[in-house]
Protein backbone atom coordinates (compact mmCIF):
# COMPACT_ATOMS: atom_id res chain seq x y z
CA MET A 1 4.62 -40.81 -8.44
CA VAL A 2 7.99 -39.15 -8.23
CA ILE A 3 8.88 -37.34 -5.08
CA SER A 4 11.53 -34.83 -5.60
CA ASP A 5 14.07 -33.69 -3.04
CA TRP A 6 13.59 -30.04 -4.16
CA SER A 7 13.90 -27.39 -1.52
CA PRO A 8 12.72 -23.76 -2.10
CA PRO A 9 15.43 -21.26 -2.95
CA ARG A 10 16.62 -18.66 -0.50
CA GLY A 11 14.39 -15.69 0.20
CA GLU A 12 10.67 -15.44 0.19
CA GLN A 13 10.11 -16.03 -3.53
CA ASN A 14 7.30 -18.19 -4.88
CA SER A 15 8.19 -21.42 -6.43
CA GLU A 16 6.79 -19.98 -9.69
CA ASP A 17 9.29 -17.14 -9.66
CA VAL A 18 12.29 -19.30 -10.34
CA ARG A 19 12.83 -22.13 -12.79
CA CYS A 20 15.36 -23.86 -14.71
CA LYS A 21 14.64 -24.37 -18.43
CA CYS A 22 16.50 -27.00 -20.36
CA ILE A 23 16.18 -27.08 -24.17
CA CYS A 24 17.21 -30.39 -25.57
CA PRO A 25 17.51 -30.81 -29.34
CA PRO A 26 16.67 -34.01 -31.18
CA TYR A 27 19.09 -36.89 -30.32
CA LYS A 28 19.14 -40.27 -32.27
CA ASP A 29 15.47 -41.40 -32.46
CA HIS A 30 14.25 -39.00 -29.72
CA SER A 31 12.73 -35.72 -30.69
CA GLY A 32 13.69 -32.47 -29.15
CA HIS A 33 11.95 -31.33 -25.98
CA ILE A 34 11.89 -28.43 -23.52
CA TYR A 35 11.92 -29.24 -19.77
CA ASN A 36 10.96 -26.82 -17.04
CA LYS A 37 11.48 -27.52 -13.30
CA ASN A 38 11.62 -25.47 -10.14
CA VAL A 39 15.04 -26.15 -8.82
CA SER A 40 17.81 -24.04 -7.14
CA GLN A 41 20.43 -22.34 -9.25
CA LYS A 42 23.20 -24.82 -8.35
CA ASP A 43 21.00 -27.73 -9.55
CA CYS A 44 20.12 -26.12 -12.89
CA ASP A 45 21.52 -28.86 -15.11
CA CYS A 46 20.24 -31.57 -17.27
CA LEU A 47 20.65 -34.36 -14.73
CA HIS A 48 18.34 -32.56 -12.11
CA VAL A 49 15.79 -31.16 -14.60
CA VAL A 50 15.21 -33.75 -17.37
CA GLU A 51 12.77 -36.30 -15.97
CA PRO A 52 12.13 -38.90 -17.13
CA MET A 53 15.34 -39.22 -19.00
CA PRO A 54 14.40 -40.14 -22.54
CA VAL A 55 17.59 -42.11 -23.30
CA PRO A 56 19.06 -45.29 -21.69
CA GLY A 57 21.99 -45.12 -19.22
CA PRO A 58 25.04 -45.01 -21.45
CA ASP A 59 23.54 -42.23 -23.66
CA VAL A 60 22.64 -39.86 -20.78
CA GLU A 61 25.98 -37.98 -20.79
CA ALA A 62 25.91 -37.50 -24.56
CA TYR A 63 22.23 -36.45 -24.39
CA CYS A 64 22.83 -33.97 -21.50
CA LEU A 65 25.91 -32.43 -23.29
CA ARG A 66 23.52 -31.28 -26.08
CA CYS A 67 20.92 -29.73 -23.71
CA GLU A 68 21.19 -26.04 -22.89
CA CYS A 69 19.90 -25.19 -19.36
CA LYS A 70 19.21 -21.70 -18.15
CA TYR A 71 18.25 -20.47 -14.72
CA GLU A 72 15.45 -17.93 -14.92
CA GLU A 73 14.12 -15.60 -12.17
CA ARG A 74 11.23 -13.08 -12.22
CA SER A 75 9.47 -10.99 -9.60
CA SER A 76 5.71 -11.66 -9.74
CA VAL A 77 5.21 -8.77 -7.20
CA THR A 78 6.80 -6.36 -9.66
CA ILE A 79 4.67 -7.68 -12.50
CA LYS A 80 1.49 -7.37 -10.44
CA VAL A 81 2.24 -3.82 -9.29
CA THR A 82 3.03 -2.82 -12.96
CA ILE A 83 -0.22 -4.24 -14.16
CA ILE A 84 -2.18 -2.49 -11.41
CA ILE A 85 -0.47 0.88 -12.27
CA TYR A 86 -1.23 0.27 -15.99
CA LEU A 87 -4.87 -0.57 -15.44
CA SER A 88 -5.37 2.38 -12.98
CA ILE A 89 -3.99 4.71 -15.53
CA LEU A 90 -6.15 3.20 -18.20
CA GLY A 91 -9.22 3.45 -15.87
CA LEU A 92 -8.55 7.22 -15.19
CA LEU A 93 -8.25 7.87 -18.91
CA LEU A 94 -11.47 6.09 -19.54
CA LEU A 95 -13.15 8.07 -16.78
CA TYR A 96 -11.82 11.30 -18.29
CA MET A 97 -13.15 10.30 -21.74
CA VAL A 98 -16.52 9.64 -20.22
CA TYR A 99 -16.42 13.10 -18.52
CA LEU A 100 -15.38 14.77 -21.69
CA THR A 101 -18.07 13.18 -23.74
CA LEU A 102 -21.00 13.07 -21.21
CA VAL A 103 -20.64 15.42 -18.31
CA GLU A 104 -18.81 18.34 -19.82
CA PRO A 105 -21.45 19.21 -22.53
CA ILE A 106 -24.15 19.24 -19.77
CA LEU A 107 -22.11 21.50 -17.56
CA LYS A 108 -21.36 23.84 -20.58
CA ARG A 109 -25.14 24.09 -21.23
CA ARG A 110 -25.81 24.87 -17.65
CA LEU A 111 -23.11 27.42 -17.29
CA LEU A 112 -24.09 29.09 -20.58
CA GLY A 113 -27.67 29.39 -19.29
CA HIS A 114 -26.39 30.75 -16.03
CA SER A 115 -24.15 33.43 -17.81
CA GLN A 116 -27.03 34.36 -19.95
CA LEU A 117 -29.14 34.93 -16.85
CA ILE A 118 -26.26 36.97 -15.30
CA GLN A 119 -26.09 39.10 -18.42
CA SER A 120 -29.96 39.68 -18.46
CA ASP A 121 -29.63 40.71 -14.80
CA GLU A 122 -26.90 43.20 -15.73
CA ASP A 123 -29.19 44.69 -18.43
CA ILE A 124 -31.99 45.22 -15.80
CA GLY A 125 -29.57 47.06 -13.48
CA ASP A 126 -28.84 47.13 -9.86
CA GLN A 127 -32.56 46.75 -8.56
CA GLN A 128 -31.72 43.80 -6.42
CA PRO A 129 -32.46 44.18 -2.86
CA PHE A 130 -29.65 42.13 -1.54
CA ALA A 131 -26.43 43.84 -0.49
CA ASN A 132 -24.00 41.16 -1.48
CA ALA A 133 -25.53 40.60 -4.96
CA HIS A 134 -22.66 42.59 -6.53
CA ASP A 135 -20.21 40.18 -4.99
CA VAL A 136 -22.10 37.21 -6.29
CA LEU A 137 -22.08 38.67 -9.84
CA ALA A 138 -18.35 39.43 -9.61
CA ARG A 139 -17.56 35.85 -8.54
CA SER A 140 -19.80 34.26 -11.32
CA ARG A 141 -18.13 36.57 -13.88
CA SER A 142 -14.67 35.47 -12.81
CA ARG A 143 -15.75 31.88 -13.07
CA ALA A 144 -17.18 32.53 -16.60
CA ASN A 145 -13.89 34.31 -17.42
CA VAL A 146 -11.75 31.34 -16.26
CA LEU A 147 -14.13 28.99 -18.12
CA ASN A 148 -13.83 31.08 -21.25
CA LYS A 149 -10.08 31.07 -20.94
CA VAL A 150 -9.95 27.24 -20.47
CA GLU A 151 -12.32 26.81 -23.40
CA TYR A 152 -10.27 29.10 -25.61
CA ALA A 153 -7.12 27.10 -24.77
CA GLN A 154 -8.88 23.84 -25.43
CA GLN A 155 -10.08 25.06 -28.84
CA ARG A 156 -6.55 26.36 -29.73
CA TRP A 157 -5.07 22.98 -28.72
CA LYS A 158 -7.73 21.14 -30.89
CA LEU A 159 -6.87 23.33 -33.86
CA GLN A 160 -3.16 22.68 -33.37
CA VAL A 161 -3.71 18.94 -33.29
CA GLN A 162 -5.79 19.21 -36.53
CA GLU A 163 -3.08 21.15 -38.13
CA GLN A 164 -0.52 18.55 -37.06
CA ARG A 165 -2.56 15.75 -38.25
CA LYS A 166 -3.12 17.45 -41.62
CA SER A 167 0.63 18.19 -41.87
CA VAL A 168 1.53 14.60 -41.15
CA PHE A 169 -1.02 13.23 -43.47
CA ASP A 170 0.10 15.51 -46.29
CA ARG A 171 3.72 14.56 -45.80
CA HIS A 172 2.68 10.92 -45.78
CA VAL A 173 0.81 11.31 -49.04
CA VAL A 174 3.81 13.18 -50.63
CA LEU A 175 6.32 10.49 -49.50
CA SER A 176 4.26 7.55 -50.79
């Protein structure tokens, strides 16, 4: 068991966030190898990273001169935050897709049924005994107008996307 005299680098970084990576090519009868070790930046050299040394004492200097050692740092906190943001956005998009495929058609059916009831009430006339019935109808009509505008914009956008796809596909066929 080898006990190293390694001390963590300055700051509050995890030991996994810093490392020294030495790439040693083949030397005489020894094959090439990659060595990784958590050491400070000043100790990032072949003598501190390559353990056990594959060559005997007199060849150590020649072996180490061929090795290329690089000090590498990363921020695991930044990586974790980036992944959390990415997964959150992906989850929101998934929820939106579920809404568009499952919930929106149900709401459309209910609203269309509600607007048909309103229209049939308008045909009957103002025979309702409630004084605020006119306000309720006005509010429901404005909601229906907003919904119709949104639906119209959505249909127009879908048509534009289909035209763009058709245009790109046709250009691709022509270029091929």
